[in-house]
Amino acid sequence: LVAGIASFIAWQVQLRMRQSENMVNKSQSQALVAASLEWIGMELARDGDETSSDHLGEPWAKAITSLPVDGARLSGRVSDQQGLFNLNNLGREGKAGEADLETFRRLLTMLKLPSELAAAVADWVDADGETRLPGGAEDSDYLRLDPPYLSANRALDTVDALYRIKGFAPEMIERLRPFVTALPVPTAINVNTAPAEVLAAAVDGLTLEQAREVVSRRNQQYFAELGDFRVLLSKMGIALSNPNLDVKSRYFQVKGQAAQGRGKAYFEALIERRGSALPAVVWRKMP
């Protein structure tokens, strides 16, 4: 009996020690995440000072598979969020512009989704209460639901907010997710980092096949300025009319994992590069 009690106590002590060790490792991993985000922000700031364009051949675009840092390991990837269509562009200056609406409609059509969903998103993020037809929805539509709620009439915080917008089913959102983002302010699309689907949607008259050719050429030689992109399109017989394109970006998403011993911290963050000022972490998630 004494031996059994002693064994149980020893097991409890060992368990408590292991729990304490795990908590310390997790805390260290979380501290490493904070330091890593600061380091990534500084690297993005340095890149912004030294270059006039952002493209997928730059160091920030390379995945970190397993970087040793003071006995811990860091892995992750930075992605340019301005290579995607910013859903909050549909509320540019309080009301959706035709160029942004047409871009989103073309993207939806390309993904075999109803183009009327563009009006529903525009009504959700614009500042007025007028229903845009066809497909729009304002307070009167949402108040008939169970439970009822009001249209936000403000910018989306995340892409997941689409779940609350009229017409969107989960499978539609997942099909759309790789090509859209929700940034704090309206932004231009970076033609150096946009996937073919987003390029084809952003440029009227550019087919998906032609957009894939543009991406293939871009991988060999990025666009140093928007004029280079315009020249390539002109050779294809396409005139560039969308004013909301660029070769430079401000917003970058970081996804990764920090591991210290048995402690692991998964993280996701949005970093804003702010010119001569220090980069800012707009939001951070650590599940």
C-alpha atoms as a PDB file:
ATOM      1  CA  LEU A   1       0.000   0.000   0.000  1.00  0.00           C
ATOM      2  CA  VAL A   2       2.801   2.413   0.917  1.00  0.00           C
ATOM      3  CA  ALA A   3       4.602   1.565  -2.319  1.00  0.00           C
ATOM      4  CA  GLY A   4       1.401   2.216  -4.304  1.00  0.00           C
ATOM      5  CA  ILE A   5       0.835   5.587  -2.610  1.00  0.00           C
ATOM      6  CA  ALA A   6       4.469   6.580  -3.191  1.00  0.00           C
ATOM      7  CA  SER A   7       4.193   5.603  -6.841  1.00  0.00           C
ATOM      8  CA  PHE A   8       1.013   7.639  -7.240  1.00  0.00           C
ATOM      9  CA  ILE A   9       2.602  10.711  -5.607  1.00  0.00           C
ATOM     10  CA  ALA A  10       5.673  10.372  -7.805  1.00  0.00           C
ATOM     11  CA  TRP A  11       3.441  10.158 -10.882  1.00  0.00           C
ATOM     12  CA  GLN A  12       1.517  13.253  -9.781  1.00  0.00           C
ATOM     13  CA  VAL A  13       4.765  15.185  -9.233  1.00  0.00           C
ATOM     14  CA  GLN A  14       6.076  14.127 -12.624  1.00  0.00           C
ATOM     15  CA  LEU A  15       2.776  15.114 -14.241  1.00  0.00           C
ATOM     16  CA  ARG A  16       2.842  18.559 -12.591  1.00  0.00           C
ATOM     17  CA  MET A  17       6.437  19.042 -13.682  1.00  0.00           C
ATOM     18  CA  ARG A  18       5.557  18.054 -17.231  1.00  0.00           C
ATOM     19  CA  GLN A  19       2.588  20.452 -17.226  1.00  0.00           C
ATOM     20  CA  SER A  20       4.763  23.272 -15.924  1.00  0.00           C
ATOM     21  CA  GLU A  21       7.384  22.506 -18.557  1.00  0.00           C
ATOM     22  CA  ASN A  22       4.728  22.522 -21.289  1.00  0.00           C
ATOM     23  CA  MET A  23       3.360  25.853 -20.069  1.00  0.00           C
ATOM     24  CA  VAL A  24       6.862  27.354 -20.088  1.00  0.00           C
ATOM     25  CA  ASN A  25       7.478  25.986 -23.594  1.00  0.00           C
ATOM     26  CA  LYS A  26       4.163  27.401 -24.810  1.00  0.00           C
ATOM     27  CA  SER A  27       4.936  30.808 -23.293  1.00  0.00           C
ATOM     28  CA  GLN A  28       8.339  30.773 -24.956  1.00  0.00           C
ATOM     29  CA  SER A  29       6.721  29.832 -28.274  1.00  0.00           C
ATOM     30  CA  GLN A  30       4.280  32.723 -27.939  1.00  0.00           C
ATOM     31  CA  ALA A  31       7.131  35.097 -27.180  1.00  0.00           C
ATOM     32  CA  LEU A  32       8.906  33.773 -30.263  1.00  0.00           C
ATOM     33  CA  VAL A  33       5.773  34.506 -32.339  1.00  0.00           C
ATOM     34  CA  ALA A  34       5.765  38.136 -31.171  1.00  0.00           C
ATOM     35  CA  ALA A  35       9.471  38.491 -31.959  1.00  0.00           C
ATOM     36  CA  SER A  36       9.011  36.799 -35.323  1.00  0.00           C
ATOM     37  CA  LEU A  37       6.229  39.165 -36.358  1.00  0.00           C
ATOM     38  CA  GLU A  38       8.415  42.117 -35.415  1.00  0.00           C
ATOM     39  CA  TRP A  39      11.297  40.654 -37.438  1.00  0.00           C
ATOM     40  CA  ILE A  40       9.074  39.980 -40.467  1.00  0.00           C
ATOM     41  CA  GLY A  41       7.664  43.499 -40.245  1.00  0.00           C
ATOM     42  CA  MET A  42      11.161  44.976 -40.247  1.00  0.00           C
ATOM     43  CA  GLU A  43      12.141  42.843 -43.247  1.00  0.00           C
ATOM     44  CA  LEU A  44       9.073  44.035 -45.147  1.00  0.00           C
ATOM     45  CA  ALA A  45       9.902  47.629 -44.217  1.00  0.00           C
ATOM     46  CA  ARG A  46      13.479  47.194 -45.433  1.00  0.00           C
ATOM     47  CA  ASP A  47      12.220  45.678 -48.688  1.00  0.00           C
ATOM     48  CA  GLY A  48       9.813  48.592 -49.127  1.00  0.00           C
ATOM     49  CA  ASP A  49      12.663  51.090 -48.721  1.00  0.00           C
ATOM     50  CA  GLU A  50      14.947  49.313 -51.173  1.00  0.00           C
ATOM     51  CA  THR A  51      12.536  48.367 -53.980  1.00  0.00           C
ATOM     52  CA  SER A  52       9.776  50.111 -55.921  1.00  0.00           C
ATOM     53  CA  SER A  53       7.709  46.971 -56.572  1.00  0.00           C
ATOM     54  CA  ASP A  54       6.688  43.781 -54.792  1.00  0.00           C
ATOM     55  CA  HIS A  55       6.844  40.431 -56.565  1.00  0.00           C
ATOM     56  CA  LEU A  56       7.039  36.713 -55.836  1.00  0.00           C
ATOM     57  CA  GLY A  57      10.775  36.508 -56.465  1.00  0.00           C
ATOM     58  CA  GLU A  58      11.616  38.553 -53.366  1.00  0.00           C
ATOM     59  CA  PRO A  59      12.937  37.012 -50.130  1.00  0.00           C
ATOM     60  CA  TRP A  60       9.709  37.685 -48.180  1.00  0.00           C
ATOM     61  CA  ALA A  61       7.779  35.406 -50.589  1.00  0.00           C
ATOM     62  CA  LYS A  62       9.926  32.331 -49.799  1.00  0.00           C
ATOM     63  CA  ALA A  63       8.502  29.894 -47.257  1.00  0.00           C
ATOM     64  CA  ILE A  64      10.424  29.269 -44.019  1.00  0.00           C
ATOM     65  CA  THR A  65      10.337  25.506 -43.503  1.00  0.00           C
ATOM     66  CA  SER A  66      12.272  25.112 -40.238  1.00  0.00           C
ATOM     67  CA  LEU A  67      14.384  28.013 -38.968  1.00  0.00           C
ATOM     68  CA  PRO A  68      16.284  27.362 -35.673  1.00  0.00           C
ATOM     69  CA  VAL A  69      15.991  30.267 -33.217  1.00  0.00           C
ATOM     70  CA  ASP A  70      17.607  29.921 -29.748  1.00  0.00           C
ATOM     71  CA  GLY A  71      16.651  26.274 -29.304  1.00  0.00           C
ATOM     72  CA  ALA A  72      13.221  26.773 -30.876  1.00  0.00           C
ATOM     73  CA  ARG A  73      12.062  26.314 -34.476  1.00  0.00           C
ATOM     74  CA  LEU A  74      10.076  28.676 -36.643  1.00  0.00           C
ATOM     75  CA  SER A  75       8.212  27.871 -39.866  1.00  0.00           C
ATOM     76  CA  GLY A  76       5.757  29.889 -41.908  1.00  0.00           C
ATOM     77  CA  ARG A  77       4.987  31.900 -45.001  1.00  0.00           C
ATOM     78  CA  VAL A  78       4.260  35.507 -45.954  1.00  0.00           C
ATOM     79  CA  SER A  79       1.666  36.193 -48.652  1.00  0.00           C
ATOM     80  CA  ASP A  80       0.789  39.458 -50.365  1.00  0.00           C
ATOM     81  CA  GLN A  81      -2.867  40.178 -49.627  1.00  0.00           C
ATOM     82  CA  GLN A  82      -3.034  42.786 -52.375  1.00  0.00           C
ATOM     83  CA  GLY A  83      -2.608  40.032 -54.920  1.00  0.00           C
ATOM     84  CA  LEU A  84      -6.218  39.150 -54.048  1.00  0.00           C
ATOM     85  CA  PHE A  85      -9.462  41.042 -54.614  1.00  0.00           C
ATOM     86  CA  ASN A  86     -10.204  43.148 -51.550  1.00  0.00           C
ATOM     87  CA  LEU A  87     -13.920  42.760 -50.798  1.00  0.00           C
ATOM     88  CA  ASN A  88     -13.887  46.126 -49.028  1.00  0.00           C
ATOM     89  CA  ASN A  89     -13.099  47.783 -52.359  1.00  0.00           C
ATOM     90  CA  LEU A  90     -16.856  47.514 -52.914  1.00  0.00           C
ATOM     91  CA  GLY A  91     -17.266  50.214 -50.273  1.00  0.00           C
ATOM     92  CA  ARG A  92     -14.628  52.531 -51.732  1.00  0.00           C
ATOM     93  CA  GLU A  93     -15.502  56.098 -50.660  1.00  0.00           C
ATOM     94  CA  GLY A  94     -18.736  54.814 -49.143  1.00  0.00           C
ATOM     95  CA  LYS A  95     -20.168  53.363 -52.342  1.00  0.00           C
ATOM     96  CA  ALA A  96     -19.105  50.670 -54.820  1.00  0.00           C
ATOM     97  CA  GLY A  97     -17.431  51.940 -57.978  1.00  0.00           C
ATOM     98  CA  GLU A  98     -18.230  50.340 -61.313  1.00  0.00           C
ATOM     99  CA  ALA A  99     -14.629  49.153 -61.891  1.00  0.00           C
ATOM    100  CA  ASP A 100     -14.579  47.257 -58.569  1.00  0.00           C
ATOM    101  CA  LEU A 101     -18.052  45.814 -59.128  1.00  0.00           C
ATOM    102  CA  GLU A 102     -17.173  44.584 -62.604  1.00  0.00           C
ATOM    103  CA  THR A 103     -13.955  43.024 -61.326  1.00  0.00           C
ATOM    104  CA  PHE A 104     -15.813  41.100 -58.638  1.00  0.00           C
ATOM    105  CA  ARG A 105     -18.618  40.073 -61.015  1.00  0.00           C
ATOM    106  CA  ARG A 106     -16.101  38.676 -63.488  1.00  0.00           C
ATOM    107  CA  LEU A 107     -14.333  36.782 -60.691  1.00  0.00           C
ATOM    108  CA  LEU A 108     -17.608  35.263 -59.509  1.00  0.00           C
ATOM    109  CA  THR A 109     -18.571  34.248 -63.040  1.00  0.00           C
ATOM    110  CA  MET A 110     -15.156  32.704 -63.618  1.00  0.00           C
ATOM    111  CA  LEU A 111     -15.594  30.614 -60.460  1.00  0.00           C
ATOM    112  CA  LYS A 112     -19.097  29.571 -61.611  1.00  0.00           C
ATOM    113  CA  LEU A 113     -20.768  31.547 -58.827  1.00  0.00           C
ATOM    114  CA  PRO A 114     -23.778  33.882 -59.283  1.00  0.00           C
ATOM    115  CA  SER A 115     -22.599  37.346 -60.350  1.00  0.00           C
ATOM    116  CA  GLU A 116     -25.495  38.865 -58.334  1.00  0.00           C
ATOM    117  CA  LEU A 117     -23.509  38.113 -55.171  1.00  0.00           C
ATOM    118  CA  ALA A 118     -21.407  41.189 -55.973  1.00  0.00           C
ATOM    119  CA  ALA A 119     -24.400  43.453 -55.304  1.00  0.00           C
ATOM    120  CA  ALA A 120     -25.115  41.700 -51.985  1.00  0.00           C
ATOM    121  CA  VAL A 121     -21.530  42.295 -50.776  1.00  0.00           C
ATOM    122  CA  ALA A 122     -21.604  45.900 -52.025  1.00  0.00           C
ATOM    123  CA  ASP A 123     -24.798  46.584 -50.059  1.00  0.00           C
ATOM    124  CA  TRP A 124     -23.239  45.015 -46.941  1.00  0.00           C
ATOM    125  CA  VAL A 125     -20.117  47.212 -47.003  1.00  0.00           C
ATOM    126  CA  ASP A 126     -21.400  50.475 -48.494  1.00  0.00           C
ATOM    127  CA  ALA A 127     -22.615  53.287 -46.249  1.00  0.00           C
ATOM    128  CA  ASP A 128     -26.128  53.751 -47.634  1.00  0.00           C
ATOM    129  CA  GLY A 129     -29.366  51.824 -47.155  1.00  0.00           C
ATOM    130  CA  GLU A 130     -30.329  51.618 -50.814  1.00  0.00           C
ATOM    131  CA  THR A 131     -30.690  48.123 -52.284  1.00  0.00           C
ATOM    132  CA  ARG A 132     -28.585  47.556 -55.381  1.00  0.00           C
ATOM    133  CA  LEU A 133     -30.299  45.446 -58.043  1.00  0.00           C
ATOM    134  CA  PRO A 134     -30.116  42.713 -59.068  1.00  0.00           C
ATOM    135  CA  GLY A 135     -29.039  40.661 -56.051  1.00  0.00           C
ATOM    136  CA  GLY A 136     -28.568  43.347 -53.414  1.00  0.00           C
ATOM    137  CA  ALA A 137     -29.787  43.164 -49.823  1.00  0.00           C
ATOM    138  CA  GLU A 138     -30.257  45.737 -47.080  1.00  0.00           C
ATOM    139  CA  ASP A 139     -31.931  45.832 -43.631  1.00  0.00           C
ATOM    140  CA  SER A 140     -35.378  44.841 -44.898  1.00  0.00           C
ATOM    141  CA  ASP A 141     -33.966  41.554 -46.259  1.00  0.00           C
ATOM    142  CA  TYR A 142     -32.029  40.610 -43.126  1.00  0.00           C
ATOM    143  CA  LEU A 143     -34.777  41.578 -40.685  1.00  0.00           C
ATOM    144  CA  ARG A 144     -36.975  38.854 -42.180  1.00  0.00           C
ATOM    145  CA  LEU A 145     -34.482  36.167 -41.156  1.00  0.00           C
ATOM    146  CA  ASP A 146     -34.611  34.096 -37.964  1.00  0.00           C
ATOM    147  CA  PRO A 147     -32.888  35.460 -35.979  1.00  0.00           C
ATOM    148  CA  PRO A 148     -33.142  38.905 -37.615  1.00  0.00           C
ATOM    149  CA  TYR A 149     -30.188  41.267 -37.901  1.00  0.00           C
ATOM    150  CA  LEU A 150     -29.164  44.432 -39.735  1.00  0.00           C
ATOM    151  CA  SER A 151     -26.857  44.962 -42.683  1.00  0.00           C
ATOM    152  CA  ALA A 152     -23.403  46.014 -41.424  1.00  0.00           C
ATOM    153  CA  ASN A 153     -22.961  48.982 -43.794  1.00  0.00           C
ATOM    154  CA  ARG A 154     -19.260  48.928 -42.987  1.00  0.00           C
ATOM    155  CA  ALA A 155     -16.105  47.124 -44.067  1.00  0.00           C
ATOM    156  CA  LEU A 156     -15.756  43.373 -43.577  1.00  0.00           C
ATOM    157  CA  ASP A 157     -13.361  42.304 -40.810  1.00  0.00           C
ATOM    158  CA  THR A 158     -12.619  38.912 -42.380  1.00  0.00           C
ATOM    159  CA  VAL A 159     -13.670  36.838 -45.371  1.00  0.00           C
ATOM    160  CA  ASP A 160     -15.703  34.700 -42.941  1.00  0.00           C
ATOM    161  CA  ALA A 161     -18.142  37.617 -42.637  1.00  0.00           C
ATOM    162  CA  LEU A 162     -19.524  36.470 -46.009  1.00  0.00           C
ATOM    163  CA  TYR A 163     -21.453  33.807 -44.074  1.00  0.00           C
ATOM    164  CA  ARG A 164     -23.841  36.559 -42.932  1.00  0.00           C
ATOM    165  CA  ILE A 165     -24.443  38.012 -46.398  1.00  0.00           C
ATOM    166  CA  LYS A 166     -27.470  37.071 -48.459  1.00  0.00           C
ATOM    167  CA  GLY A 167     -26.911  34.353 -51.060  1.00  0.00           C
ATOM    168  CA  PHE A 168     -23.629  32.912 -49.768  1.00  0.00           C
ATOM    169  CA  ALA A 169     -23.465  29.187 -48.960  1.00  0.00           C
ATOM    170  CA  PRO A 170     -20.411  27.637 -47.225  1.00  0.00           C
ATOM    171  CA  GLU A 171     -19.199  25.876 -50.382  1.00  0.00           C
ATOM    172  CA  MET A 172     -19.389  29.176 -52.309  1.00  0.00           C
ATOM    173  CA  ILE A 173     -17.252  30.935 -49.730  1.00  0.00           C
ATOM    174  CA  GLU A 174     -14.631  28.180 -49.779  1.00  0.00           C
ATOM    175  CA  ARG A 175     -14.481  28.314 -53.569  1.00  0.00           C
ATOM    176  CA  LEU A 176     -13.998  32.080 -53.401  1.00  0.00           C
ATOM    177  CA  ARG A 177     -11.592  32.194 -50.427  1.00  0.00           C
ATOM    178  CA  PRO A 178      -8.273  31.652 -52.340  1.00  0.00           C
ATOM    179  CA  PHE A 179      -8.951  34.749 -54.446  1.00  0.00           C
ATOM    180  CA  VAL A 180     -10.368  37.338 -52.031  1.00  0.00           C
ATOM    181  CA  THR A 181      -9.358  39.149 -48.872  1.00  0.00           C
ATOM    182  CA  ALA A 182     -10.807  41.701 -46.440  1.00  0.00           C
ATOM    183  CA  LEU A 183      -8.375  44.550 -45.762  1.00  0.00           C
ATOM    184  CA  PRO A 184      -9.035  47.572 -43.500  1.00  0.00           C
ATOM    185  CA  VAL A 185      -9.149  50.034 -46.408  1.00  0.00           C
ATOM    186  CA  PRO A 186      -9.718  49.828 -50.178  1.00  0.00           C
ATOM    187  CA  THR A 187      -6.563  48.774 -52.016  1.00  0.00           C
ATOM    188  CA  ALA A 188      -5.193  48.286 -55.514  1.00  0.00           C
ATOM    189  CA  ILE A 189      -4.529  44.802 -56.915  1.00  0.00           C
ATOM    190  CA  ASN A 190      -0.819  44.007 -57.274  1.00  0.00           C
ATOM    191  CA  VAL A 191      -0.376  42.574 -60.783  1.00  0.00           C
ATOM    192  CA  ASN A 192       2.945  41.017 -59.734  1.00  0.00           C
ATOM    193  CA  THR A 193       1.388  38.724 -57.140  1.00  0.00           C
ATOM    194  CA  ALA A 194      -2.210  38.208 -58.283  1.00  0.00           C
ATOM    195  CA  PRO A 195      -3.196  34.684 -59.418  1.00  0.00           C
ATOM    196  CA  ALA A 196      -4.396  34.264 -62.993  1.00  0.00           C
ATOM    197  CA  GLU A 197      -8.057  34.264 -61.938  1.00  0.00           C
ATOM    198  CA  VAL A 198      -7.746  37.654 -60.228  1.00  0.00           C
ATOM    199  CA  LEU A 199      -5.828  39.139 -63.167  1.00  0.00           C
ATOM    200  CA  ALA A 200      -8.462  37.939 -65.621  1.00  0.00           C
ATOM    201  CA  ALA A 201     -11.171  39.466 -63.438  1.00  0.00           C
ATOM    202  CA  ALA A 202      -9.327  42.772 -63.021  1.00  0.00           C
ATOM    203  CA  VAL A 203      -8.585  43.324 -66.720  1.00  0.00           C
ATOM    204  CA  ASP A 204     -11.582  43.603 -69.003  1.00  0.00           C
ATOM    205  CA  GLY A 205     -11.064  41.453 -72.103  1.00  0.00           C
ATOM    206  CA  LEU A 206      -8.286  39.303 -70.622  1.00  0.00           C
ATOM    207  CA  THR A 207      -9.229  35.620 -70.742  1.00  0.00           C
ATOM    208  CA  LEU A 208      -8.154  33.140 -68.089  1.00  0.00           C
ATOM    209  CA  GLU A 209      -5.861  31.441 -70.597  1.00  0.00           C
ATOM    210  CA  GLN A 210      -4.216  34.775 -71.446  1.00  0.00           C
ATOM    211  CA  ALA A 211      -3.924  35.587 -67.733  1.00  0.00           C
ATOM    212  CA  ARG A 212      -2.083  32.320 -67.178  1.00  0.00           C
ATOM    213  CA  GLU A 213       0.306  33.315 -69.965  1.00  0.00           C
ATOM    214  CA  VAL A 214       0.852  36.671 -68.231  1.00  0.00           C
ATOM    215  CA  VAL A 215       1.643  34.850 -64.969  1.00  0.00           C
ATOM    216  CA  SER A 216       4.098  32.582 -66.791  1.00  0.00           C
ATOM    217  CA  ARG A 217       5.912  35.587 -68.278  1.00  0.00           C
ATOM    218  CA  ARG A 218       5.768  37.423 -64.966  1.00  0.00           C
ATOM    219  CA  ASN A 219       7.535  34.520 -63.276  1.00  0.00           C
ATOM    220  CA  GLN A 220      10.436  35.073 -65.651  1.00  0.00           C
ATOM    221  CA  GLN A 221      10.416  38.865 -65.420  1.00  0.00           C
ATOM    222  CA  TYR A 222       8.305  40.756 -62.912  1.00  0.00           C
ATOM    223  CA  PHE A 223       6.688  44.121 -63.700  1.00  0.00           C
ATOM    224  CA  ALA A 224       8.937  46.883 -62.367  1.00  0.00           C
ATOM    225  CA  GLU A 225       6.166  49.409 -62.983  1.00  0.00           C
ATOM    226  CA  LEU A 226       2.559  49.339 -64.104  1.00  0.00           C
ATOM    227  CA  GLY A 227       3.613  50.578 -67.536  1.00  0.00           C
ATOM    228  CA  ASP A 228       5.389  47.249 -68.159  1.00  0.00           C
ATOM    229  CA  PHE A 229       2.121  45.413 -67.502  1.00  0.00           C
ATOM    230  CA  ARG A 230       0.269  47.801 -69.808  1.00  0.00           C
ATOM    231  CA  VAL A 231       2.796  47.198 -72.600  1.00  0.00           C
ATOM    232  CA  LEU A 232       2.404  43.414 -72.311  1.00  0.00           C
ATOM    233  CA  LEU A 233      -1.379  43.735 -72.497  1.00  0.00           C
ATOM    234  CA  SER A 234      -1.159  46.002 -75.531  1.00  0.00           C
ATOM    235  CA  LYS A 235       0.834  43.310 -77.331  1.00  0.00           C
ATOM    236  CA  MET A 236      -2.124  41.010 -76.671  1.00  0.00           C
ATOM    237  CA  GLY A 237      -4.481  43.609 -78.130  1.00  0.00           C
ATOM    238  CA  ILE A 238      -5.926  44.593 -74.729  1.00  0.00           C
ATOM    239  CA  ALA A 239      -6.241  48.152 -73.422  1.00  0.00           C
ATOM    240  CA  LEU A 240      -5.905  48.558 -69.656  1.00  0.00           C
ATOM    241  CA  SER A 241      -8.818  50.544 -68.209  1.00  0.00           C
ATOM    242  CA  ASN A 242      -8.947  49.472 -64.533  1.00  0.00           C
ATOM    243  CA  PRO A 243      -7.507  52.313 -62.397  1.00  0.00           C
ATOM    244  CA  ASN A 244      -7.177  50.126 -59.299  1.00  0.00           C
ATOM    245  CA  LEU A 245      -4.000  48.211 -60.203  1.00  0.00           C
ATOM    246  CA  ASP A 246      -0.429  48.596 -58.933  1.00  0.00           C
ATOM    247  CA  VAL A 247       2.934  46.824 -58.581  1.00  0.00           C
ATOM    248  CA  LYS A 248       3.439  47.758 -54.909  1.00  0.00           C
ATOM    249  CA  SER A 249       1.694  46.417 -51.793  1.00  0.00           C
ATOM    250  CA  ARG A 250       1.035  47.495 -48.199  1.00  0.00           C
ATOM    251  CA  TYR A 251      -0.702  44.489 -46.627  1.00  0.00           C
ATOM    252  CA  PHE A 252       0.870  41.076 -46.026  1.00  0.00           C
ATOM    253  CA  GLN A 253      -0.466  38.018 -44.225  1.00  0.00           C
ATOM    254  CA  VAL A 254       1.790  35.788 -42.128  1.00  0.00           C
ATOM    255  CA  LYS A 255       0.894  32.189 -41.254  1.00  0.00           C
ATOM    256  CA  GLY A 256       3.210  29.919 -39.312  1.00  0.00           C
ATOM    257  CA  GLN A 257       4.184  27.892 -36.284  1.00  0.00           C
ATOM    258  CA  ALA A 258       6.705  28.404 -33.488  1.00  0.00           C
ATOM    259  CA  ALA A 259       7.843  25.308 -31.562  1.00  0.00           C
ATOM    260  CA  GLN A 260       9.770  25.227 -28.286  1.00  0.00           C
ATOM    261  CA  GLY A 261      10.228  21.717 -26.884  1.00  0.00           C
ATOM    262  CA  ARG A 262       6.761  20.166 -26.776  1.00  0.00           C
ATOM    263  CA  GLY A 263       5.096  23.604 -26.860  1.00  0.00           C
ATOM    264  CA  LYS A 264       3.755  24.800 -30.188  1.00  0.00           C
ATOM    265  CA  ALA A 265       2.090  28.078 -31.100  1.00  0.00           C
ATOM    266  CA  TYR A 266       0.269  28.437 -34.395  1.00  0.00           C
ATOM    267  CA  PHE A 267      -0.249  31.987 -35.544  1.00  0.00           C
ATOM    268  CA  GLU A 268      -1.747  34.120 -38.289  1.00  0.00           C
ATOM    269  CA  ALA A 269      -1.361  37.876 -38.616  1.00  0.00           C
ATOM    270  CA  LEU A 270      -1.920  40.783 -40.978  1.00  0.00           C
ATOM    271  CA  ILE A 271       0.959  43.249 -41.248  1.00  0.00           C
ATOM    272  CA  GLU A 272       0.642  46.734 -42.719  1.00  0.00           C
ATOM    273  CA  ARG A 273       3.739  48.291 -44.229  1.00  0.00           C
ATOM    274  CA  ARG A 274       3.522  52.039 -43.598  1.00  0.00           C
ATOM    275  CA  GLY A 275       6.240  53.750 -45.603  1.00  0.00           C
ATOM    276  CA  SER A 276       8.815  55.421 -43.363  1.00  0.00           C
ATOM    277  CA  ALA A 277       6.885  54.492 -40.188  1.00  0.00           C
ATOM    278  CA  LEU A 278       7.312  51.155 -38.437  1.00  0.00           C
ATOM    279  CA  PRO A 279       5.098  48.331 -39.780  1.00  0.00           C
ATOM    280  CA  ALA A 280       1.949  47.619 -37.778  1.00  0.00           C
ATOM    281  CA  VAL A 281       0.326  44.310 -36.871  1.00  0.00           C
ATOM    282  CA  VAL A 282      -3.302  44.977 -37.850  1.00  0.00           C
ATOM    283  CA  TRP A 283      -4.530  41.761 -36.195  1.00  0.00           C
ATOM    284  CA  ARG A 284      -3.089  38.554 -34.844  1.00  0.00           C
ATOM    285  CA  LYS A 285      -4.669  35.158 -34.170  1.00  0.00           C
ATOM    286  CA  MET A 286      -3.172  32.375 -32.067  1.00  0.00           C
ATOM    287  CA  PRO A 287      -5.648  29.449 -31.819  1.00  0.00           C
END
